[in-house]
């Protein structure tokens, strides 16, 4: 779809991007080298960073960052969900330091079956 210069400056492009995110057209990718779950958002990147405690078979969810323009669109929730699903698939314990991920887990722990440690 082509947007005129006027439409792009008036926020037309932003509205299209937001619409795409609202319809869950985002893909969470796992960057093992950077220890991040990421969503590429045009020129921006949302991510949930983690570290591993291999001897204890544990993933530590450290920090979630979503660009301001995309907050409230479910991107952070998708990052947290993907990280927790990954831990469950790999049978890893989870330590949550990130406040956002901790809130997401607390709101969904009935559904999630992760082994979360303090």
N, C-alpha and C. Protein backbone atom coordinates (compact mmCIF):
# COMPACT_ATOMS: atom_id res chain seq x y z
N UNK A 1 0.84 -1.16 0.00
CA UNK A 1 0.00 0.00 0.00
C UNK A 1 0.89 1.23 0.00
N UNK A 2 0.56 2.20 -0.81
CA UNK A 2 1.33 3.43 -0.93
C UNK A 2 0.68 4.51 -0.08
N UNK A 3 1.48 5.20 0.72
CA UNK A 3 0.99 6.33 1.49
C UNK A 3 1.59 7.60 0.92
N UNK A 4 0.79 8.60 0.80
CA UNK A 4 1.33 9.88 0.34
C UNK A 4 2.22 10.46 1.43
N UNK A 5 3.04 11.42 1.04
CA UNK A 5 3.91 12.08 2.02
C UNK A 5 3.06 12.69 3.14
N UNK A 6 1.94 13.30 2.76
CA UNK A 6 1.06 13.92 3.74
C UNK A 6 0.51 12.87 4.71
N UNK A 7 0.08 11.73 4.20
CA UNK A 7 -0.46 10.68 5.06
C UNK A 7 0.61 10.14 6.00
N UNK A 8 1.82 9.97 5.49
CA UNK A 8 2.90 9.47 6.34
C UNK A 8 3.22 10.46 7.45
N UNK A 9 3.22 11.75 7.13
CA UNK A 9 3.50 12.75 8.14
C UNK A 9 2.35 12.91 9.12
N UNK A 10 1.14 12.62 8.69
CA UNK A 10 0.00 12.79 9.57
C UNK A 10 -0.21 11.58 10.47
N UNK A 11 0.66 10.61 10.39
CA UNK A 11 0.52 9.43 11.23
C UNK A 11 -0.11 8.26 10.52
N UNK A 12 -0.38 8.37 9.23
CA UNK A 12 -0.99 7.27 8.48
C UNK A 12 -0.17 6.00 8.55
N UNK A 13 1.13 6.13 8.44
CA UNK A 13 2.01 4.97 8.50
C UNK A 13 1.96 4.34 9.87
N UNK A 14 2.01 5.15 10.90
CA UNK A 14 1.94 4.64 12.25
C UNK A 14 0.66 3.87 12.49
N UNK A 15 -0.45 4.37 11.99
CA UNK A 15 -1.72 3.69 12.17
C UNK A 15 -1.71 2.33 11.49
N UNK A 16 -1.07 2.22 10.34
CA UNK A 16 -0.99 0.92 9.66
C UNK A 16 -0.15 -0.05 10.48
N UNK A 17 0.94 0.42 11.03
CA UNK A 17 1.79 -0.44 11.84
C UNK A 17 1.04 -0.89 13.09
N UNK A 18 0.39 0.02 13.75
CA UNK A 18 -0.37 -0.35 14.94
C UNK A 18 -1.45 -1.36 14.62
N UNK A 19 -2.13 -1.19 13.51
CA UNK A 19 -3.17 -2.12 13.11
C UNK A 19 -2.58 -3.52 12.91
N UNK A 20 -1.42 -3.58 12.31
CA UNK A 20 -0.76 -4.86 12.10
C UNK A 20 -0.44 -5.54 13.42
N UNK A 21 0.04 -4.79 14.38
CA UNK A 21 0.39 -5.36 15.67
C UNK A 21 -0.86 -5.79 16.43
N UNK A 22 -1.91 -4.99 16.37
CA UNK A 22 -3.14 -5.34 17.06
C UNK A 22 -3.72 -6.65 16.54
N UNK A 23 -3.49 -6.94 15.28
CA UNK A 23 -4.03 -8.17 14.71
C UNK A 23 -3.07 -9.35 14.92
N UNK A 24 -2.10 -9.17 15.81
CA UNK A 24 -1.14 -10.21 16.17
C UNK A 24 -0.33 -10.67 14.97
N UNK A 25 0.01 -9.75 14.10
CA UNK A 25 0.80 -10.08 12.92
C UNK A 25 2.29 -9.94 13.22
N UNK A 26 2.66 -10.06 14.48
CA UNK A 26 4.07 -9.98 14.84
C UNK A 26 4.61 -11.38 15.08
N UNK A 27 5.89 -11.53 14.85
CA UNK A 27 6.56 -12.80 15.06
C UNK A 27 7.67 -12.61 16.08
N UNK A 28 7.65 -13.41 17.12
CA UNK A 28 8.72 -13.38 18.12
C UNK A 28 9.81 -14.33 17.66
N UNK A 29 11.02 -13.82 17.60
CA UNK A 29 12.17 -14.64 17.23
C UNK A 29 13.08 -14.81 18.43
N UNK A 30 13.82 -15.89 18.43
CA UNK A 30 14.74 -16.18 19.53
C UNK A 30 16.17 -16.02 19.02
N UNK A 31 16.87 -15.05 19.57
CA UNK A 31 18.27 -14.83 19.23
C UNK A 31 19.12 -15.44 20.34
N UNK A 32 19.57 -16.67 20.12
CA UNK A 32 20.34 -17.39 21.13
C UNK A 32 21.66 -16.68 21.45
N UNK A 33 22.31 -16.12 20.45
CA UNK A 33 23.60 -15.46 20.67
C UNK A 33 23.49 -14.25 21.57
N UNK A 34 22.43 -13.47 21.40
CA UNK A 34 22.24 -12.27 22.23
C UNK A 34 21.41 -12.56 23.48
N UNK A 35 20.93 -13.78 23.61
CA UNK A 35 20.06 -14.16 24.73
C UNK A 35 18.85 -13.24 24.82
N UNK A 36 18.12 -13.15 23.70
CA UNK A 36 16.95 -12.29 23.64
C UNK A 36 15.84 -12.95 22.82
N UNK A 37 14.63 -12.70 23.24
CA UNK A 37 13.46 -12.94 22.41
C UNK A 37 13.13 -11.58 21.83
N UNK A 38 12.96 -11.50 20.52
CA UNK A 38 12.82 -10.19 19.88
C UNK A 38 11.63 -10.14 18.92
N UNK A 39 11.12 -8.93 18.76
CA UNK A 39 10.14 -8.61 17.73
C UNK A 39 10.68 -7.40 17.00
N UNK A 40 10.88 -7.55 15.70
CA UNK A 40 11.34 -6.44 14.88
C UNK A 40 10.12 -5.61 14.51
N UNK A 41 10.18 -4.33 14.79
CA UNK A 41 9.08 -3.42 14.52
C UNK A 41 9.56 -2.33 13.60
N UNK A 42 9.63 -2.63 12.31
CA UNK A 42 10.14 -1.71 11.29
C UNK A 42 11.55 -1.29 11.68
N UNK A 43 11.77 -0.07 12.13
CA UNK A 43 13.12 0.36 12.49
C UNK A 43 13.42 0.17 13.97
N UNK A 44 12.49 -0.38 14.71
CA UNK A 44 12.66 -0.57 16.15
C UNK A 44 12.67 -2.05 16.50
N UNK A 45 13.07 -2.32 17.72
CA UNK A 45 13.12 -3.70 18.19
C UNK A 45 12.58 -3.75 19.62
N UNK A 46 11.65 -4.64 19.86
CA UNK A 46 11.19 -4.94 21.21
C UNK A 46 11.91 -6.22 21.61
N UNK A 47 12.27 -6.34 22.89
CA UNK A 47 12.98 -7.55 23.30
C UNK A 47 12.75 -7.89 24.76
N UNK A 48 12.95 -9.15 25.05
CA UNK A 48 13.03 -9.65 26.41
C UNK A 48 14.39 -10.31 26.52
N UNK A 49 15.25 -9.77 27.39
CA UNK A 49 16.59 -10.33 27.55
C UNK A 49 16.58 -11.34 28.70
N UNK A 50 17.45 -12.31 28.57
CA UNK A 50 17.54 -13.36 29.59
C UNK A 50 18.99 -13.80 29.74
N UNK A 51 19.23 -14.53 30.80
CA UNK A 51 20.53 -15.20 30.98
C UNK A 51 20.23 -16.63 31.39
N UNK A 52 21.25 -17.47 31.29
CA UNK A 52 21.09 -18.89 31.62
C UNK A 52 21.98 -19.28 32.78
N UNK A 53 21.44 -20.11 33.63
CA UNK A 53 22.19 -20.74 34.71
C UNK A 53 22.19 -22.23 34.35
N UNK A 54 23.15 -22.61 33.51
CA UNK A 54 23.16 -23.97 32.98
C UNK A 54 23.27 -25.06 34.04
N UNK A 55 24.13 -24.91 35.07
CA UNK A 55 24.22 -25.98 36.07
C UNK A 55 22.87 -26.27 36.75
N UNK A 56 22.04 -25.25 36.91
CA UNK A 56 20.75 -25.43 37.55
C UNK A 56 19.59 -25.55 36.56
N UNK A 57 19.92 -25.65 35.27
CA UNK A 57 18.91 -25.75 34.22
C UNK A 57 17.84 -24.68 34.41
N UNK A 58 18.31 -23.41 34.43
CA UNK A 58 17.42 -22.29 34.71
C UNK A 58 17.62 -21.17 33.70
N UNK A 59 16.50 -20.54 33.33
CA UNK A 59 16.53 -19.33 32.52
C UNK A 59 16.11 -18.18 33.43
N UNK A 60 16.82 -17.07 33.33
CA UNK A 60 16.54 -15.91 34.17
C UNK A 60 16.04 -14.79 33.24
N UNK A 61 14.79 -14.40 33.42
CA UNK A 61 14.19 -13.35 32.60
C UNK A 61 14.55 -12.01 33.22
N UNK A 62 15.42 -11.26 32.52
CA UNK A 62 16.01 -10.05 33.10
C UNK A 62 15.25 -8.76 32.82
N UNK A 63 14.90 -8.53 31.56
CA UNK A 63 14.38 -7.21 31.19
C UNK A 63 13.56 -7.28 29.91
N UNK A 64 12.44 -6.57 29.90
CA UNK A 64 11.62 -6.44 28.69
C UNK A 64 11.61 -4.97 28.29
N UNK A 65 11.82 -4.72 27.02
CA UNK A 65 11.77 -3.35 26.51
C UNK A 65 10.98 -3.32 25.21
N UNK A 66 9.98 -2.43 25.20
CA UNK A 66 9.14 -2.25 24.02
C UNK A 66 9.14 -0.75 23.70
N UNK A 67 9.43 -0.38 22.45
CA UNK A 67 9.40 1.04 22.09
C UNK A 67 8.06 1.67 22.46
N UNK A 68 8.10 2.91 22.94
CA UNK A 68 6.91 3.59 23.46
C UNK A 68 5.72 3.57 22.51
N UNK A 69 5.95 3.75 21.25
CA UNK A 69 4.86 3.83 20.29
C UNK A 69 4.09 2.51 20.18
N UNK A 70 4.67 1.41 20.58
CA UNK A 70 4.02 0.11 20.47
C UNK A 70 3.55 -0.45 21.81
N UNK A 71 3.73 0.30 22.88
CA UNK A 71 3.28 -0.19 24.19
C UNK A 71 1.76 -0.27 24.23
N UNK A 72 1.28 -1.23 24.98
CA UNK A 72 -0.16 -1.40 25.10
C UNK A 72 -0.79 -2.17 23.95
N UNK A 73 0.05 -2.73 23.09
CA UNK A 73 -0.45 -3.46 21.91
C UNK A 73 -0.25 -4.97 22.04
N UNK A 74 0.23 -5.42 23.18
CA UNK A 74 0.40 -6.85 23.40
C UNK A 74 1.75 -7.41 23.02
N UNK A 75 2.67 -6.56 22.58
CA UNK A 75 3.99 -7.04 22.16
C UNK A 75 4.77 -7.59 23.35
N UNK A 76 4.77 -6.87 24.46
CA UNK A 76 5.47 -7.34 25.66
C UNK A 76 4.89 -8.66 26.15
N UNK A 77 3.58 -8.79 26.10
CA UNK A 77 2.94 -10.03 26.53
C UNK A 77 3.37 -11.19 25.63
N UNK A 78 3.47 -10.93 24.33
CA UNK A 78 3.90 -11.99 23.42
C UNK A 78 5.35 -12.40 23.70
N UNK A 79 6.19 -11.43 24.04
CA UNK A 79 7.57 -11.74 24.39
C UNK A 79 7.63 -12.62 25.65
N UNK A 80 6.89 -12.22 26.68
CA UNK A 80 6.87 -12.98 27.93
C UNK A 80 6.30 -14.38 27.71
N UNK A 81 5.23 -14.47 26.97
CA UNK A 81 4.60 -15.77 26.68
C UNK A 81 5.58 -16.70 25.96
N UNK A 82 6.27 -16.16 24.97
CA UNK A 82 7.22 -16.97 24.20
C UNK A 82 8.37 -17.44 25.07
N UNK A 83 8.90 -16.57 25.92
CA UNK A 83 9.99 -16.95 26.81
C UNK A 83 9.55 -18.05 27.78
N UNK A 84 8.36 -17.92 28.33
CA UNK A 84 7.86 -18.93 29.27
C UNK A 84 7.55 -20.24 28.57
N UNK A 85 7.04 -20.18 27.35
CA UNK A 85 6.80 -21.41 26.58
C UNK A 85 8.13 -22.10 26.26
N UNK A 86 9.14 -21.31 25.90
CA UNK A 86 10.46 -21.87 25.61
C UNK A 86 10.99 -22.61 26.85
N UNK A 87 10.89 -21.98 28.01
CA UNK A 87 11.36 -22.62 29.24
C UNK A 87 10.62 -23.92 29.51
N UNK A 88 9.33 -23.90 29.27
CA UNK A 88 8.53 -25.10 29.50
C UNK A 88 8.93 -26.21 28.53
N UNK A 89 9.11 -25.87 27.25
CA UNK A 89 9.50 -26.86 26.25
C UNK A 89 10.86 -27.48 26.56
N UNK A 90 11.78 -26.67 27.10
CA UNK A 90 13.13 -27.14 27.41
C UNK A 90 13.25 -27.67 28.83
N UNK A 91 12.13 -27.70 29.55
CA UNK A 91 12.10 -28.19 30.93
C UNK A 91 13.09 -27.41 31.82
N UNK A 92 13.05 -26.09 31.70
CA UNK A 92 13.93 -25.22 32.47
C UNK A 92 13.16 -24.58 33.62
N UNK A 93 13.84 -24.42 34.74
CA UNK A 93 13.29 -23.61 35.82
C UNK A 93 13.36 -22.16 35.35
N UNK A 94 12.52 -21.31 35.95
CA UNK A 94 12.47 -19.91 35.55
C UNK A 94 12.64 -19.02 36.79
N UNK A 95 13.53 -18.07 36.67
CA UNK A 95 13.66 -17.02 37.68
C UNK A 95 13.31 -15.72 36.96
N UNK A 96 12.37 -14.98 37.53
CA UNK A 96 11.89 -13.77 36.87
C UNK A 96 12.35 -12.55 37.66
N UNK A 97 13.22 -11.77 37.04
CA UNK A 97 13.68 -10.51 37.61
C UNK A 97 12.89 -9.35 37.02
N UNK A 98 12.56 -9.45 35.76
CA UNK A 98 11.83 -8.41 35.03
C UNK A 98 10.43 -8.21 35.62
N UNK A 99 10.11 -6.98 36.00
CA UNK A 99 8.80 -6.68 36.59
C UNK A 99 7.66 -7.00 35.64
N UNK A 100 7.83 -6.65 34.36
CA UNK A 100 6.77 -6.89 33.39
C UNK A 100 6.51 -8.40 33.23
N UNK A 101 7.58 -9.16 33.07
CA UNK A 101 7.42 -10.61 32.90
C UNK A 101 6.84 -11.24 34.16
N UNK A 102 7.21 -10.72 35.32
CA UNK A 102 6.67 -11.23 36.58
C UNK A 102 5.17 -10.96 36.67
N UNK A 103 4.75 -9.77 36.27
CA UNK A 103 3.32 -9.43 36.27
C UNK A 103 2.57 -10.35 35.30
N UNK A 104 3.15 -10.53 34.12
CA UNK A 104 2.50 -11.39 33.12
C UNK A 104 2.36 -12.81 33.67
N UNK A 105 3.41 -13.31 34.28
CA UNK A 105 3.35 -14.67 34.84
C UNK A 105 2.29 -14.75 35.94
N UNK A 106 2.28 -13.76 36.83
CA UNK A 106 1.30 -13.76 37.93
C UNK A 106 -0.13 -13.79 37.42
N UNK A 107 -0.38 -13.06 36.34
CA UNK A 107 -1.73 -13.00 35.77
C UNK A 107 -2.11 -14.26 35.00
N UNK A 108 -1.12 -15.09 34.65
CA UNK A 108 -1.38 -16.26 33.80
C UNK A 108 -0.88 -17.57 34.39
N UNK A 109 -0.49 -17.57 35.66
CA UNK A 109 0.13 -18.79 36.21
C UNK A 109 -0.81 -19.98 36.28
N UNK A 110 -2.11 -19.74 36.30
CA UNK A 110 -3.06 -20.86 36.28
C UNK A 110 -2.95 -21.65 34.98
N UNK A 111 -2.67 -20.95 33.92
CA UNK A 111 -2.56 -21.55 32.58
C UNK A 111 -1.16 -22.05 32.29
N UNK A 112 -0.17 -21.34 32.80
CA UNK A 112 1.23 -21.69 32.55
C UNK A 112 1.70 -22.74 33.55
N UNK A 113 2.52 -23.62 33.12
CA UNK A 113 2.97 -24.71 33.98
C UNK A 113 4.48 -24.64 34.26
N UNK A 114 4.99 -23.42 34.35
CA UNK A 114 6.42 -23.25 34.55
C UNK A 114 6.81 -23.48 36.01
N UNK A 115 8.05 -23.94 36.19
CA UNK A 115 8.65 -24.11 37.50
C UNK A 115 9.39 -22.82 37.83
N UNK A 116 8.67 -21.87 38.48
CA UNK A 116 9.25 -20.56 38.77
C UNK A 116 9.83 -20.59 40.18
N UNK A 117 11.08 -20.11 40.29
CA UNK A 117 11.78 -20.07 41.57
C UNK A 117 12.03 -18.62 41.98
N UNK A 118 12.19 -18.42 43.27
CA UNK A 118 12.45 -17.06 43.79
C UNK A 118 13.88 -16.68 43.63
